PDB file of N, CA and C in Angstrom:
ATOM      1  N   MET A   1     107.623  96.678  91.363  1.00  0.00           N
ATOM      2  CA  MET A   1     107.115  95.980  90.217  1.00  0.00           C
ATOM      3  C   MET A   1     105.708  95.447  90.468  1.00  0.00           C
ATOM      4  N   PHE A   2     105.445  94.921  91.660  1.00  0.00           N
ATOM      5  CA  PHE A   2     104.138  94.353  91.960  1.00  0.00           C
ATOM      6  C   PHE A   2     103.410  95.195  92.995  1.00  0.00           C
ATOM      7  N   SER A   3     102.096  95.237  92.888  1.00  0.00           N
ATOM      8  CA  SER A   3     101.257  95.878  93.887  1.00  0.00           C
ATOM      9  C   SER A   3     101.017  94.938  95.059  1.00  0.00           C
ATOM     10  N   HIS A   4     100.622  93.699  94.726  1.00  0.00           N
ATOM     11  CA  HIS A   4     100.318  92.737  95.776  1.00  0.00           C
ATOM     12  C   HIS A   4     100.347  91.317  95.230  1.00  0.00           C
ATOM     13  N   VAL A   5     100.348  90.388  96.168  1.00  0.00           N
ATOM     14  CA  VAL A   5     100.299  88.965  95.877  1.00  0.00           C
ATOM     15  C   VAL A   5      99.197  88.384  96.748  1.00  0.00           C
ATOM     16  N   THR A   6      98.457  87.440  96.218  1.00  0.00           N
ATOM     17  CA  THR A   6      97.415  86.756  96.982  1.00  0.00           C
ATOM     18  C   THR A   6      97.727  85.266  97.014  1.00  0.00           C
ATOM     19  N   LEU A   7      97.683  84.685  98.203  1.00  0.00           N
ATOM     20  CA  LEU A   7      97.849  83.244  98.374  1.00  0.00           C
ATOM     21  C   LEU A   7      96.621  82.691  99.075  1.00  0.00           C
ATOM     22  N   GLY A   8      96.164  81.541  98.623  1.00  0.00           N
ATOM     23  CA  GLY A   8      94.985  80.928  99.211  1.00  0.00           C
ATOM     24  C   GLY A   8      95.306  80.048 100.398  1.00  0.00           C
ATOM     25  N   THR A   9      94.322  79.887 101.251  1.00  0.00           N
ATOM     26  CA  THR A   9      94.401  78.940 102.357  1.00  0.00           C
ATOM     27  C   THR A   9      93.090  78.178 102.450  1.00  0.00           C
ATOM     28  N   ASN A  10      93.189  76.937 102.872  1.00  0.00           N
ATOM     29  CA  ASN A  10      92.000  76.111 103.098  1.00  0.00           C
ATOM     30  C   ASN A  10      91.639  76.029 104.570  1.00  0.00           C
ATOM     31  N   ASP A  11      92.481  76.572 105.443  1.00  0.00           N
ATOM     32  CA  ASP A  11      92.256  76.492 106.882  1.00  0.00           C
ATOM     33  C   ASP A  11      92.864  77.726 107.546  1.00  0.00           C
ATOM     34  N   TRP A  12      92.080  78.801 107.608  1.00  0.00           N
ATOM     35  CA  TRP A  12      92.580  80.057 108.147  1.00  0.00           C
ATOM     36  C   TRP A  12      93.013  79.920 109.603  1.00  0.00           C
ATOM     37  N   ASP A  13      92.295  79.133 110.397  1.00  0.00           N
ATOM     38  CA  ASP A  13      92.672  78.974 111.800  1.00  0.00           C
ATOM     39  C   ASP A  13      94.063  78.359 111.935  1.00  0.00           C
ATOM     40  N   ARG A  14      94.434  77.484 111.024  1.00  0.00           N
ATOM     41  CA  ARG A  14      95.766  76.884 111.024  1.00  0.00           C
ATOM     42  C   ARG A  14      96.788  77.850 110.422  1.00  0.00           C
ATOM     43  N   ALA A  15      96.394  78.571 109.384  1.00  0.00           N
ATOM     44  CA  ALA A  15      97.311  79.446 108.662  1.00  0.00           C
ATOM     45  C   ALA A  15      97.622  80.746 109.409  1.00  0.00           C
ATOM     46  N   GLN A  16      96.658  81.284 110.147  1.00  0.00           N
ATOM     47  CA  GLN A  16      96.850  82.601 110.759  1.00  0.00           C
ATOM     48  C   GLN A  16      98.047  82.681 111.698  1.00  0.00           C
ATOM     49  N   PRO A  17      98.273  81.720 112.610  1.00  0.00           N
ATOM     50  CA  PRO A  17      99.468  81.843 113.461  1.00  0.00           C
ATOM     51  C   PRO A  17     100.766  81.860 112.652  1.00  0.00           C
ATOM     52  N   PHE A  18     100.825  81.062 111.597  1.00  0.00           N
ATOM     53  CA  PHE A  18     101.996  81.050 110.723  1.00  0.00           C
ATOM     54  C   PHE A  18     102.197  82.432 110.105  1.00  0.00           C
ATOM     55  N   TRP A  19     101.168  82.968 109.471  1.00  0.00           N
ATOM     56  CA  TRP A  19     101.303  84.237 108.761  1.00  0.00           C
ATOM     57  C   TRP A  19     101.533  85.412 109.703  1.00  0.00           C
ATOM     58  N   ASP A  20     100.902  85.401 110.879  1.00  0.00           N
ATOM     59  CA  ASP A  20     101.162  86.468 111.843  1.00  0.00           C
ATOM     60  C   ASP A  20     102.629  86.462 112.268  1.00  0.00           C
ATOM     61  N   ALA A  21     103.194  85.269 112.509  1.00  0.00           N
ATOM     62  CA  ALA A  21     104.590  85.167 112.932  1.00  0.00           C
ATOM     63  C   ALA A  21     105.545  85.570 111.815  1.00  0.00           C
ATOM     64  N   VAL A  22     105.300  85.099 110.601  1.00  0.00           N
ATOM     65  CA  VAL A  22     106.166  85.428 109.468  1.00  0.00           C
ATOM     66  C   VAL A  22     106.092  86.923 109.149  1.00  0.00           C
ATOM     67  N   ALA A  23     104.892  87.480 109.141  1.00  0.00           N
ATOM     68  CA  ALA A  23     104.740  88.913 108.863  1.00  0.00           C
ATOM     69  C   ALA A  23     105.453  89.748 109.919  1.00  0.00           C
ATOM     70  N   ALA A  24     105.339  89.347 111.179  1.00  0.00           N
ATOM     71  CA  ALA A  24     106.023  90.082 112.250  1.00  0.00           C
ATOM     72  C   ALA A  24     107.541  90.014 112.067  1.00  0.00           C
ATOM     73  N   ALA A  25     108.062  88.836 111.725  1.00  0.00           N
ATOM     74  CA  ALA A  25     109.508  88.695 111.520  1.00  0.00           C
ATOM     75  C   ALA A  25     109.999  89.579 110.384  1.00  0.00           C
ATOM     76  N   LEU A  26     109.165  89.756 109.374  1.00  0.00           N
ATOM     77  CA  LEU A  26     109.532  90.577 108.210  1.00  0.00           C
ATOM     78  C   LEU A  26     109.182  92.054 108.387  1.00  0.00           C
ATOM     79  N   GLY A  27     108.530  92.399 109.494  1.00  0.00           N
ATOM     80  CA  GLY A  27     108.139  93.788 109.738  1.00  0.00           C
ATOM     81  C   GLY A  27     106.963  94.245 108.895  1.00  0.00           C
ATOM     82  N   LEU A  28     106.093  93.304 108.517  1.00  0.00           N
ATOM     83  CA  LEU A  28     104.916  93.644 107.704  1.00  0.00           C
ATOM     84  C   LEU A  28     103.718  93.872 108.614  1.00  0.00           C
ATOM     85  N   PRO A  29     103.163  95.079 108.645  1.00  0.00           N
ATOM     86  CA  PRO A  29     102.005  95.336 109.498  1.00  0.00           C
ATOM     87  C   PRO A  29     100.726  94.749 108.912  1.00  0.00           C
ATOM     88  N   VAL A  30      99.754  94.492 109.781  1.00  0.00           N
ATOM     89  CA  VAL A  30      98.426  94.090 109.320  1.00  0.00           C
ATOM     90  C   VAL A  30      97.784  95.305 108.670  1.00  0.00           C
ATOM     91  N   LEU A  31      97.359  95.157 107.432  1.00  0.00           N
ATOM     92  CA  LEU A  31      96.677  96.231 106.715  1.00  0.00           C
ATOM     93  C   LEU A  31      95.183  96.184 107.042  1.00  0.00           C
ATOM     94  N   PHE A  32      94.568  95.013 106.899  1.00  0.00           N
ATOM     95  CA  PHE A  32      93.181  94.794 107.305  1.00  0.00           C
ATOM     96  C   PHE A  32      92.908  93.297 107.330  1.00  0.00           C
ATOM     97  N   GLN A  33      91.836  92.934 108.014  1.00  0.00           N
ATOM     98  CA  GLN A  33      91.376  91.553 108.036  1.00  0.00           C
ATOM     99  C   GLN A  33      90.044  91.465 107.324  1.00  0.00           C
ATOM    100  N   TYR A  34      89.748  90.306 106.796  1.00  0.00           N
ATOM    101  CA  TYR A  34      88.460  90.045 106.155  1.00  0.00           C
ATOM    102  C   TYR A  34      88.050  88.625 106.509  1.00  0.00           C
ATOM    103  N   PRO A  35      86.797  88.217 106.266  1.00  0.00           N
ATOM    104  CA  PRO A  35      86.362  86.887 106.677  1.00  0.00           C
ATOM    105  C   PRO A  35      87.273  85.783 106.130  1.00  0.00           C
ATOM    106  N   GLY A  36      87.937  85.088 107.045  1.00  0.00           N
ATOM    107  CA  GLY A  36      88.808  83.985 106.675  1.00  0.00           C
ATOM    108  C   GLY A  36      90.160  84.388 106.147  1.00  0.00           C
ATOM    109  N   GLY A  37      90.533  85.660 106.268  1.00  0.00           N
ATOM    110  CA  GLY A  37      91.818  86.074 105.716  1.00  0.00           C
ATOM    111  C   GLY A  37      92.314  87.398 106.247  1.00  0.00           C
ATOM    112  N   ILE A  38      93.444  87.829 105.663  1.00  0.00           N
ATOM    113  CA  ILE A  38      94.136  89.023 106.152  1.00  0.00           C
ATOM    114  C   ILE A  38      94.991  89.607 105.036  1.00  0.00           C
ATOM    115  N   ALA A  39      95.300  90.883 105.164  1.00  0.00           N
ATOM    116  CA  ALA A  39      96.252  91.550 104.272  1.00  0.00           C
ATOM    117  C   ALA A  39      97.331  92.172 105.145  1.00  0.00           C
ATOM    118  N   TYR A  40      98.593  91.958 104.752  1.00  0.00           N
ATOM    119  CA  TYR A  40      99.741  92.560 105.422  1.00  0.00           C
ATOM    120  C   TYR A  40     100.410  93.507 104.445  1.00  0.00           C
ATOM    121  N   GLY A  41     100.921  94.623 104.940  1.00  0.00           N
ATOM    122  CA  GLY A  41     101.626  95.573 104.099  1.00  0.00           C
ATOM    123  C   GLY A  41     101.138  96.981 104.324  1.00  0.00           C
ATOM    124  N   LEU A  42     101.403  97.840 103.351  1.00  0.00           N
ATOM    125  CA  LEU A  42     101.046  99.247 103.446  1.00  0.00           C
ATOM    126  C   LEU A  42     100.034  99.611 102.370  1.00  0.00           C
ATOM    127  N   PRO A  43      99.112 100.538 102.658  1.00  0.00           N
ATOM    128  CA  PRO A  43      98.089 100.884 101.666  1.00  0.00           C
ATOM    129  C   PRO A  43      98.666 101.320 100.319  1.00  0.00           C
ATOM    130  N   ASN A  44      99.764 102.070 100.343  1.00  0.00           N
ATOM    131  CA  ASN A  44     100.337 102.577  99.092  1.00  0.00           C
ATOM    132  C   ASN A  44     101.629 101.857  98.713  1.00  0.00           C
ATOM    133  N   GLY A  45     101.844 100.669  99.293  1.00  0.00           N
ATOM    134  CA  GLY A  45     103.055  99.908  99.006  1.00  0.00           C
ATOM    135  C   GLY A  45     102.738  98.450  98.749  1.00  0.00           C
ATOM    136  N   PRO A  46     103.756  97.622  98.673  1.00  0.00           N
ATOM    137  CA  PRO A  46     103.519  96.201  98.421  1.00  0.00           C
ATOM    138  C   PRO A  46     102.766  95.553  99.576  1.00  0.00           C
ATOM    139  N   LYS A  47     101.993  94.557  99.240  1.00  0.00           N
ATOM    140  CA  LYS A  47     101.200  93.864 100.250  1.00  0.00           C
ATOM    141  C   LYS A  47     100.960  92.420  99.836  1.00  0.00           C
ATOM    142  N   ILE A  48     100.567  91.591 100.816  1.00  0.00           N
ATOM    143  CA  ILE A  48     100.198  90.209 100.545  1.00  0.00           C
ATOM    144  C   ILE A  48      98.864  89.923 101.221  1.00  0.00           C
ATOM    145  N   PHE A  49      98.004  89.257 100.489  1.00  0.00           N
ATOM    146  CA  PHE A  49      96.701  88.833 100.989  1.00  0.00           C
ATOM    147  C   PHE A  49      96.740  87.322 101.175  1.00  0.00           C
ATOM    148  N   ILE A  50      96.199  86.846 102.296  1.00  0.00           N
ATOM    149  CA  ILE A  50      96.100  85.422 102.573  1.00  0.00           C
ATOM    150  C   ILE A  50      94.639  85.147 102.918  1.00  0.00           C
ATOM    151  N   GLY A  51      94.013  84.215 102.203  1.00  0.00           N
ATOM    152  CA  GLY A  51      92.626  83.899 102.511  1.00  0.00           C
ATOM    153  C   GLY A  51      92.065  82.859 101.568  1.00  0.00           C
ATOM    154  N   PRO A  52      90.784  82.591 101.705  1.00  0.00           N
ATOM    155  CA  PRO A  52      90.163  81.601 100.838  1.00  0.00           C
ATOM    156  C   PRO A  52      90.049  82.139  99.416  1.00  0.00           C
ATOM    157  N   PRO A  53      90.155  81.273  98.424  1.00  0.00           N
ATOM    158  CA  PRO A  53      89.981  81.722  97.044  1.00  0.00           C
ATOM    159  C   PRO A  53      88.585  82.338  96.844  1.00  0.00           C
ATOM    160  N   PHE A  54      88.541  83.396  96.060  1.00  0.00           N
ATOM    161  CA  PHE A  54      87.276  84.091  95.830  1.00  0.00           C
ATOM    162  C   PHE A  54      86.274  83.256  95.056  1.00  0.00           C
ATOM    163  N   ASP A  55      86.744  82.263  94.297  1.00  0.00           N
ATOM    164  CA  ASP A  55      85.817  81.444  93.527  1.00  0.00           C
ATOM    165  C   ASP A  55      85.192  80.314  94.343  1.00  0.00           C
ATOM    166  N   GLY A  56      85.572  80.194  95.626  1.00  0.00           N
ATOM    167  CA  GLY A  56      84.995  79.178  96.491  1.00  0.00           C
ATOM    168  C   GLY A  56      85.592  77.790  96.325  1.00  0.00           C
ATOM    169  N   GLN A  57      86.508  77.624  95.392  1.00  0.00           N
ATOM    170  CA  GLN A  57      87.154  76.340  95.178  1.00  0.00           C
ATOM    171  C   GLN A  57      88.317  76.176  96.166  1.00  0.00           C
ATOM    172  N   PRO A  58      88.806  74.952  96.373  1.00  0.00           N
ATOM    173  CA  PRO A  58      89.936  74.757  97.284  1.00  0.00           C
ATOM    174  C   PRO A  58      91.186  75.504  96.815  1.00  0.00           C
ATOM    175  N   ALA A  59      91.939  76.015  97.772  1.00  0.00           N
ATOM    176  CA  ALA A  59      93.222  76.658  97.476  1.00  0.00           C
ATOM    177  C   ALA A  59      94.235  75.584  97.107  1.00  0.00           C
ATOM    178  N   THR A  60      95.077  75.892  96.133  1.00  0.00           N
ATOM    179  CA  THR A  60      96.162  75.006  95.744  1.00  0.00           C
ATOM    180  C   THR A  60      97.438  75.834  95.634  1.00  0.00           C
ATOM    181  N   HIS A  61      98.580  75.173  95.696  1.00  0.00           N
ATOM    182  CA  HIS A  61      99.858  75.865  95.524  1.00  0.00           C
ATOM    183  C   HIS A  61     100.428  75.502  94.157  1.00  0.00           C
ATOM    184  N   GLY A  62     101.236  76.383  93.634  1.00  0.00           N
ATOM    185  CA  GLY A  62     101.808  76.173  92.306  1.00  0.00           C
ATOM    186  C   GLY A  62     103.131  75.422  92.361  1.00  0.00           C
ATOM    187  N   ASN A  63     103.315  74.486  91.460  1.00  0.00           N
ATOM    188  CA  ASN A  63     104.578  73.768  91.349  1.00  0.00           C
ATOM    189  C   ASN A  63     105.542  74.647  90.558  1.00  0.00           C
ATOM    190  N   GLY A  64     106.660  74.997  91.167  1.00  0.00           N
ATOM    191  CA  GLY A  64     107.612  75.891  90.517  1.00  0.00           C
ATOM    192  C   GLY A  64     107.363  77.353  90.840  1.00  0.00           C
ATOM    193  N   THR A  65     106.417  77.628  91.708  1.00  0.00           N
ATOM    194  CA  THR A  65     106.072  78.999  92.090  1.00  0.00           C
ATOM    195  C   THR A  65     106.524  79.251  93.526  1.00  0.00           C
ATOM    196  N   HIS A  66     107.104  80.423  93.764  1.00  0.00           N
ATOM    197  CA  HIS A  66     107.335  80.838  95.141  1.00  0.00           C
ATOM    198  C   HIS A  66     107.319  82.358  95.220  1.00  0.00           C
ATOM    199  N   ILE A  67     107.079  82.833  96.417  1.00  0.00           N
ATOM    200  CA  ILE A  67     107.038  84.265  96.704  1.00  0.00           C
ATOM    201  C   ILE A  67     108.283  84.589  97.522  1.00  0.00           C
ATOM    202  N   ALA A  68     109.050  85.585  97.093  1.00  0.00           N
ATOM    203  CA  ALA A  68     110.253  85.992  97.812  1.00  0.00           C
ATOM    204  C   ALA A  68     110.018  87.351  98.467  1.00  0.00           C
ATOM    205  N   PHE A  69     110.173  87.387  99.781  1.00  0.00           N
ATOM    206  CA  PHE A  69     110.045  88.619 100.546  1.00  0.00           C
ATOM    207  C   PHE A  69     111.420  89.246 100.710  1.00  0.00           C
ATOM    208  N   LEU A  70     111.515  90.541 100.493  1.00  0.00           N
ATOM    209  CA  LEU A  70     112.758  91.269 100.675  1.00  0.00           C
ATOM    210  C   LEU A  70     112.982  91.511 102.164  1.00  0.00           C
ATOM    211  N   ALA A  71     114.101  91.055 102.665  1.00  0.00           N
ATOM    212  CA  ALA A  71     114.458  91.230 104.077  1.00  0.00           C
ATOM    213  C   ALA A  71     115.492  92.342 104.206  1.00  0.00           C
ATOM    214  N   LYS A  72     115.391  93.135 105.268  1.00  0.00           N
ATOM    215  CA  LYS A  72     116.302  94.279 105.437  1.00  0.00           C
ATOM    216  C   LYS A  72     117.726  93.853 105.764  1.00  0.00           C
ATOM    217  N   ASP A  73     117.884  92.657 106.362  1.00  0.00           N
ATOM    218  CA  ASP A  73     119.222  92.177 106.709  1.00  0.00           C
ATOM    219  C   ASP A  73     119.174  90.661 106.878  1.00  0.00           C
ATOM    220  N   ARG A  74     120.331  90.082 107.096  1.00  0.00           N
ATOM    221  CA  ARG A  74     120.430  88.625 107.219  1.00  0.00           C
ATOM    222  C   ARG A  74     119.735  88.114 108.472  1.00  0.00           C
ATOM    223  N   ALA A  75     119.760  88.895 109.528  1.00  0.00           N
ATOM    224  CA  ALA A  75     119.070  88.493 110.761  1.00  0.00           C
ATOM    225  C   ALA A  75     117.570  88.352 110.518  1.00  0.00           C
ATOM    226  N   THR A  76     117.022  89.186 109.658  1.00  0.00           N
ATOM    227  CA  THR A  76     115.602  89.099 109.337  1.00  0.00           C
ATOM    228  C   THR A  76     115.307  87.824 108.559  1.00  0.00           C
ATOM    229  N   VAL A  77     116.201  87.433 107.665  1.00  0.00           N
ATOM    230  CA  VAL A  77     116.043  86.157 106.952  1.00  0.00           C
ATOM    231  C   VAL A  77     116.022  85.018 107.963  1.00  0.00           C
ATOM    232  N   ASP A  78     116.956  85.039 108.902  1.00  0.00           N
ATOM    233  CA  ASP A  78     117.015  84.001 109.931  1.00  0.00           C
ATOM    234  C   ASP A  78     115.730  83.983 110.763  1.00  0.00           C
ATOM    235  N   ALA A  79     115.232  85.163 111.146  1.00  0.00           N
ATOM    236  CA  ALA A  79     114.013  85.265 111.954  1.00  0.00           C
ATOM    237  C   ALA A  79     112.801  84.757 111.181  1.00  0.00           C
ATOM    238  N   PHE A  80     112.715  85.079 109.897  1.00  0.00           N
ATOM    239  CA  PHE A  80     111.643  84.581 109.035  1.00  0.00           C
ATOM    240  C   PHE A  80     111.628  83.054 109.053  1.00  0.00           C
ATOM    241  N   HIS A  81     112.779  82.445 108.827  1.00  0.00           N
ATOM    242  CA  HIS A  81     112.873  80.987 108.766  1.00  0.00           C
ATOM    243  C   HIS A  81     112.465  80.364 110.103  1.00  0.00           C
ATOM    244  N   ALA A  82     112.985  80.895 111.195  1.00  0.00           N
ATOM    245  CA  ALA A  82     112.663  80.368 112.523  1.00  0.00           C
ATOM    246  C   ALA A  82     111.182  80.524 112.841  1.00  0.00           C
ATOM    247  N   ALA A  83     110.609  81.683 112.528  1.00  0.00           N
ATOM    248  CA  ALA A  83     109.187  81.911 112.792  1.00  0.00           C
ATOM    249  C   ALA A  83     108.322  80.952 111.986  1.00  0.00           C
ATOM    250  N   ALA A  84     108.689  80.753 110.737  1.00  0.00           N
ATOM    251  CA  ALA A  84     107.915  79.848 109.886  1.00  0.00           C
ATOM    252  C   ALA A  84     107.930  78.428 110.439  1.00  0.00           C
ATOM    253  N   LEU A  85     109.110  77.933 110.796  1.00  0.00           N
ATOM    254  CA  LEU A  85     109.213  76.555 111.277  1.00  0.00           C
ATOM    255  C   LEU A  85     108.535  76.354 112.622  1.00  0.00           C
ATOM    256  N   SER A  86     108.542  77.380 113.458  1.00  0.00           N
ATOM    257  CA  SER A  86     107.909  77.230 114.777  1.00  0.00           C
ATOM    258  C   SER A  86     106.404  77.471 114.742  1.00  0.00           C
ATOM    259  N   HIS A  87     105.856  77.792 113.567  1.00  0.00           N
ATOM    260  CA  HIS A  87     104.420  78.037 113.441  1.00  0.00           C
ATOM    261  C   HIS A  87     103.783  77.211 112.320  1.00  0.00           C
ATOM    262  N   GLY A  88     104.275  76.005 112.130  1.00  0.00           N
ATOM    263  CA  GLY A  88     103.632  75.071 111.207  1.00  0.00           C
ATOM    264  C   GLY A  88     104.203  75.022 109.814  1.00  0.00           C
ATOM    265  N   GLY A  89     105.240  75.803 109.529  1.00  0.00           N
ATOM    266  CA  GLY A  89     105.879  75.757 108.220  1.00  0.00           C
ATOM    267  C   GLY A  89     106.885  74.620 108.147  1.00  0.00           C
ATOM    268  N   THR A  90     107.325  74.320 106.938  1.00  0.00           N
ATOM    269  CA  THR A  90     108.345  73.293 106.745  1.00  0.00           C
ATOM    270  C   THR A  90     109.529  73.891 106.001  1.00  0.00           C
ATOM    271  N   ASP A  91     110.702  73.352 106.290  1.00  0.00           N
ATOM    272  CA  ASP A  91     111.939  73.844 105.700  1.00  0.00           C
ATOM    273  C   ASP A  91     112.052  73.431 104.238  1.00  0.00           C
ATOM    274  N   GLU A  92     112.465  74.377 103.400  1.00  0.00           N
ATOM    275  CA  GLU A  92     112.751  74.106 101.988  1.00  0.00           C
ATOM    276  C   GLU A  92     114.153  74.595 101.617  1.00  0.00           C
ATOM    277  N   GLY A  93     114.896  75.086 102.601  1.00  0.00           N
ATOM    278  CA  GLY A  93     116.253  75.590 102.356  1.00  0.00           C
ATOM    279  C   GLY A  93     116.687  76.473 103.504  1.00  0.00           C
ATOM    280  N   LEU A  94     117.656  76.002 104.273  1.00  0.00           N
ATOM    281  CA  LEU A  94     118.130  76.741 105.445  1.00  0.00           C
ATOM    282  C   LEU A  94     118.660  78.124 105.075  1.00  0.00           C
ATOM    283  N   PRO A  95     118.622  79.066 106.020  1.00  0.00           N
ATOM    284  CA  PRO A  95     119.208  80.378 105.764  1.00  0.00           C
ATOM    285  C   PRO A  95     120.693  80.246 105.437  1.00  0.00           C
ATOM    286  N   GLY A  96     121.117  80.987 104.428  1.00  0.00           N
ATOM    287  CA  GLY A  96     122.525  80.973 104.083  1.00  0.00           C
ATOM    288  C   GLY A  96     122.799  81.688 102.784  1.00  0.00           C
ATOM    289  N   PRO A  97     124.075  81.855 102.483  1.00  0.00           N
ATOM    290  CA  PRO A  97     124.468  82.502 101.229  1.00  0.00           C
ATOM    291  C   PRO A  97     124.083  81.643 100.029  1.00  0.00           C
ATOM    292  N   ARG A  98     123.762  82.303  98.946  1.00  0.00           N
ATOM    293  CA  ARG A  98     123.495  81.653  97.666  1.00  0.00           C
ATOM    294  C   ARG A  98     124.341  82.394  96.619  1.00  0.00           C
ATOM    295  N   PRO A  99     125.684  82.226  96.675  1.00  0.00           N
ATOM    296  CA  PRO A  99     126.578  83.023  95.826  1.00  0.00           C
ATOM    297  C   PRO A  99     126.412  82.772  94.336  1.00  0.00           C
ATOM    298  N   HIS A 100     125.733  81.701  93.963  1.00  0.00           N
ATOM    299  CA  HIS A 100     125.486  81.465  92.538  1.00  0.00           C
ATOM    300  C   HIS A 100     124.508  82.495  91.964  1.00  0.00           C
ATOM    301  N   TYR A 101     123.750  83.199  92.827  1.00  0.00           N
ATOM    302  CA  TYR A 101     122.888  84.291  92.351  1.00  0.00           C
ATOM    303  C   TYR A 101     123.677  85.597  92.274  1.00  0.00           C
ATOM    304  N   HIS A 102     124.355  85.948  93.369  1.00  0.00           N
ATOM    305  CA  HIS A 102     125.307  87.059  93.409  1.00  0.00           C
ATOM    306  C   HIS A 102     126.026  87.004  94.755  1.00  0.00           C
ATOM    307  N   PRO A 103     127.155  87.692  94.901  1.00  0.00           N
ATOM    308  CA  PRO A 103     128.001  87.523  96.088  1.00  0.00           C
ATOM    309  C   PRO A 103     127.330  87.839  97.428  1.00  0.00           C
ATOM    310  N   ASN A 104     126.335  88.725  97.454  1.00  0.00           N
ATOM    311  CA  ASN A 104     125.707  89.114  98.718  1.00  0.00           C
ATOM    312  C   ASN A 104     124.343  88.470  98.956  1.00  0.00           C
ATOM    313  N   TYR A 105     123.951  87.569  98.094  1.00  0.00           N
ATOM    314  CA  TYR A 105     122.627  86.942  98.199  1.00  0.00           C
ATOM    315  C   TYR A 105     122.579  86.031  99.425  1.00  0.00           C
ATOM    316  N   TYR A 106     121.599  86.270 100.307  1.00  0.00           N
ATOM    317  CA  TYR A 106     121.414  85.466 101.507  1.00  0.00           C
ATOM    318  C   TYR A 106     119.923  85.185 101.628  1.00  0.00           C
ATOM    319  N   GLY A 107     119.523  83.931 101.608  1.00  0.00           N
ATOM    320  CA  GLY A 107     118.110  83.603 101.613  1.00  0.00           C
ATOM    321  C   GLY A 107     117.776  82.354 102.393  1.00  0.00           C
ATOM    322  N   ALA A 108     116.483  82.143 102.588  1.00  0.00           N
ATOM    323  CA  ALA A 108     115.937  80.950 103.230  1.00  0.00           C
ATOM    324  C   ALA A 108     114.594  80.645 102.589  1.00  0.00           C
ATOM    325  N   TYR A 109     114.259  79.376 102.517  1.00  0.00           N
ATOM    326  CA  TYR A 109     113.019  78.920 101.882  1.00  0.00           C
ATOM    327  C   TYR A 109     112.204  78.077 102.859  1.00  0.00           C
ATOM    328  N   VAL A 110     110.882  78.261 102.823  1.00  0.00           N
ATOM    329  CA  VAL A 110     109.950  77.479 103.637  1.00  0.00           C
ATOM    330  C   VAL A 110     108.678  77.216 102.829  1.00  0.00           C
ATOM    331  N   ARG A 111     107.858  76.345 103.346  1.00  0.00           N
ATOM    332  CA  ARG A 111     106.486  76.171 102.848  1.00  0.00           C
ATOM    333  C   ARG A 111     105.543  76.516 103.984  1.00  0.00           C
ATOM    334  N   ASP A 112     104.468  77.224 103.647  1.00  0.00           N
ATOM    335  CA  ASP A 112     103.456  77.542 104.646  1.00  0.00           C
ATOM    336  C   ASP A 112     102.571  76.314 104.880  1.00  0.00           C
ATOM    337  N   PRO A 113     101.627  76.374 105.833  1.00  0.00           N
ATOM    338  CA  PRO A 113     100.795  75.206 106.111  1.00  0.00           C
ATOM    339  C   PRO A 113      99.949  74.724 104.923  1.00  0.00           C
ATOM    340  N   ASP A 114      99.729  75.576 103.925  1.00  0.00           N
ATOM    341  CA  ASP A 114      98.984  75.174 102.732  1.00  0.00           C
ATOM    342  C   ASP A 114      99.887  74.711 101.594  1.00  0.00           C
ATOM    343  N   GLY A 115     101.188  74.691 101.815  1.00  0.00           N
ATOM    344  CA  GLY A 115     102.118  74.201 100.804  1.00  0.00           C
ATOM    345  C   GLY A 115     102.697  75.257  99.890  1.00  0.00           C
ATOM    346  N   ASN A 116     102.362  76.541 100.101  1.00  0.00           N
ATOM    347  CA  ASN A 116     102.937  77.617  99.289  1.00  0.00           C
ATOM    348  C   ASN A 116     104.413  77.777  99.639  1.00  0.00           C
ATOM    349  N   LYS A 117     105.262  77.869  98.617  1.00  0.00           N
ATOM    350  CA  LYS A 117     106.692  78.038  98.847  1.00  0.00           C
ATOM    351  C   LYS A 117     107.003  79.525  98.991  1.00  0.00           C
ATOM    352  N   LEU A 118     107.728  79.849 100.062  1.00  0.00           N
ATOM    353  CA  LEU A 118     108.063  81.230 100.400  1.00  0.00           C
ATOM    354  C   LEU A 118     109.557  81.350 100.622  1.00  0.00           C
ATOM    355  N   GLN A 119     110.039  82.557 100.443  1.00  0.00           N
ATOM    356  CA  GLN A 119     111.452  82.834 100.660  1.00  0.00           C
ATOM    357  C   GLN A 119     111.585  84.209 101.289  1.00  0.00           C
ATOM    358  N   ALA A 120     112.608  84.371 102.097  1.00  0.00           N
ATOM    359  CA  ALA A 120     113.062  85.699 102.525  1.00  0.00           C
ATOM    360  C   ALA A 120     114.480  85.834 101.993  1.00  0.00           C
ATOM    361  N   VAL A 121     114.797  87.001 101.447  1.00  0.00           N
ATOM    362  CA  VAL A 121     116.108  87.220 100.847  1.00  0.00           C
ATOM    363  C   VAL A 121     116.621  88.608 101.205  1.00  0.00           C
ATOM    364  N   CYS A 122     117.932  88.661 101.486  1.00  0.00           N
ATOM    365  CA  CYS A 122     118.645  89.905 101.710  1.00  0.00           C
ATOM    366  C   CYS A 122     119.721  90.006 100.639  1.00  0.00           C
ATOM    367  N   HIS A 123     119.841  91.167 100.007  1.00  0.00           N
ATOM    368  CA  HIS A 123     120.817  91.372  98.950  1.00  0.00           C
ATOM    369  C   HIS A 123     122.011  92.219  99.395  1.00  0.00           C
ATOM    370  N   SER A 124     122.067  92.543 100.685  1.00  0.00           N
ATOM    371  CA  SER A 124     123.121  93.420 101.201  1.00  0.00           C
ATOM    372  C   SER A 124     124.318  92.627 101.702  1.00  0.00           C
ATOM    373  N   LYS A 125     125.441  93.316 101.789  1.00  0.00           N
ATOM    374  CA  LYS A 125     126.645  92.711 102.362  1.00  0.00           C
ATOM    375  C   LYS A 125     126.391  92.398 103.837  1.00  0.00           C
ATOM    376  N   PRO A 126     127.101  91.406 104.363  1.00  0.00           N
ATOM    377  CA  PRO A 126     126.963  91.109 105.810  1.00  0.00           C
ATOM    378  C   PRO A 126     127.337  92.333 106.637  1.00  0.00           C
ATOM    379  N   GLU A 127     126.649  92.484 107.747  1.00  0.00           N
ATOM    380  CA  GLU A 127     126.919  93.624 108.642  1.00  0.00           C
ATOM    381  C   GLU A 127     128.069  93.345 109.549  1.00  0.00           C
TER     382      GLU A 127
END
């Protein structure tokens, strides 16, 4: 459905360790780097850009907005959450089932160092 998502940061030096760890946990390769930012993903597939806003204004996060990354399995959701918390992220919802969405829904929520709300979710049955 989407080509890419862009999230702003006000401090790339603080944000980069977080995003490198989260991208690695999710299996997202570095696509390219640019001044103050980076793109993870595949050239012909979904990707995420992290960097300073192009208009030069401070980056802000949206209230009620979050980005959900598709995880291949529940272990990847757990790894995403752990990587985020150990690299400057904050917890917004521990890894676990969310059966009110559907019986196999397993997700975790965090905020990055700039306050963007992120999620990793697996829709498969437990292994």
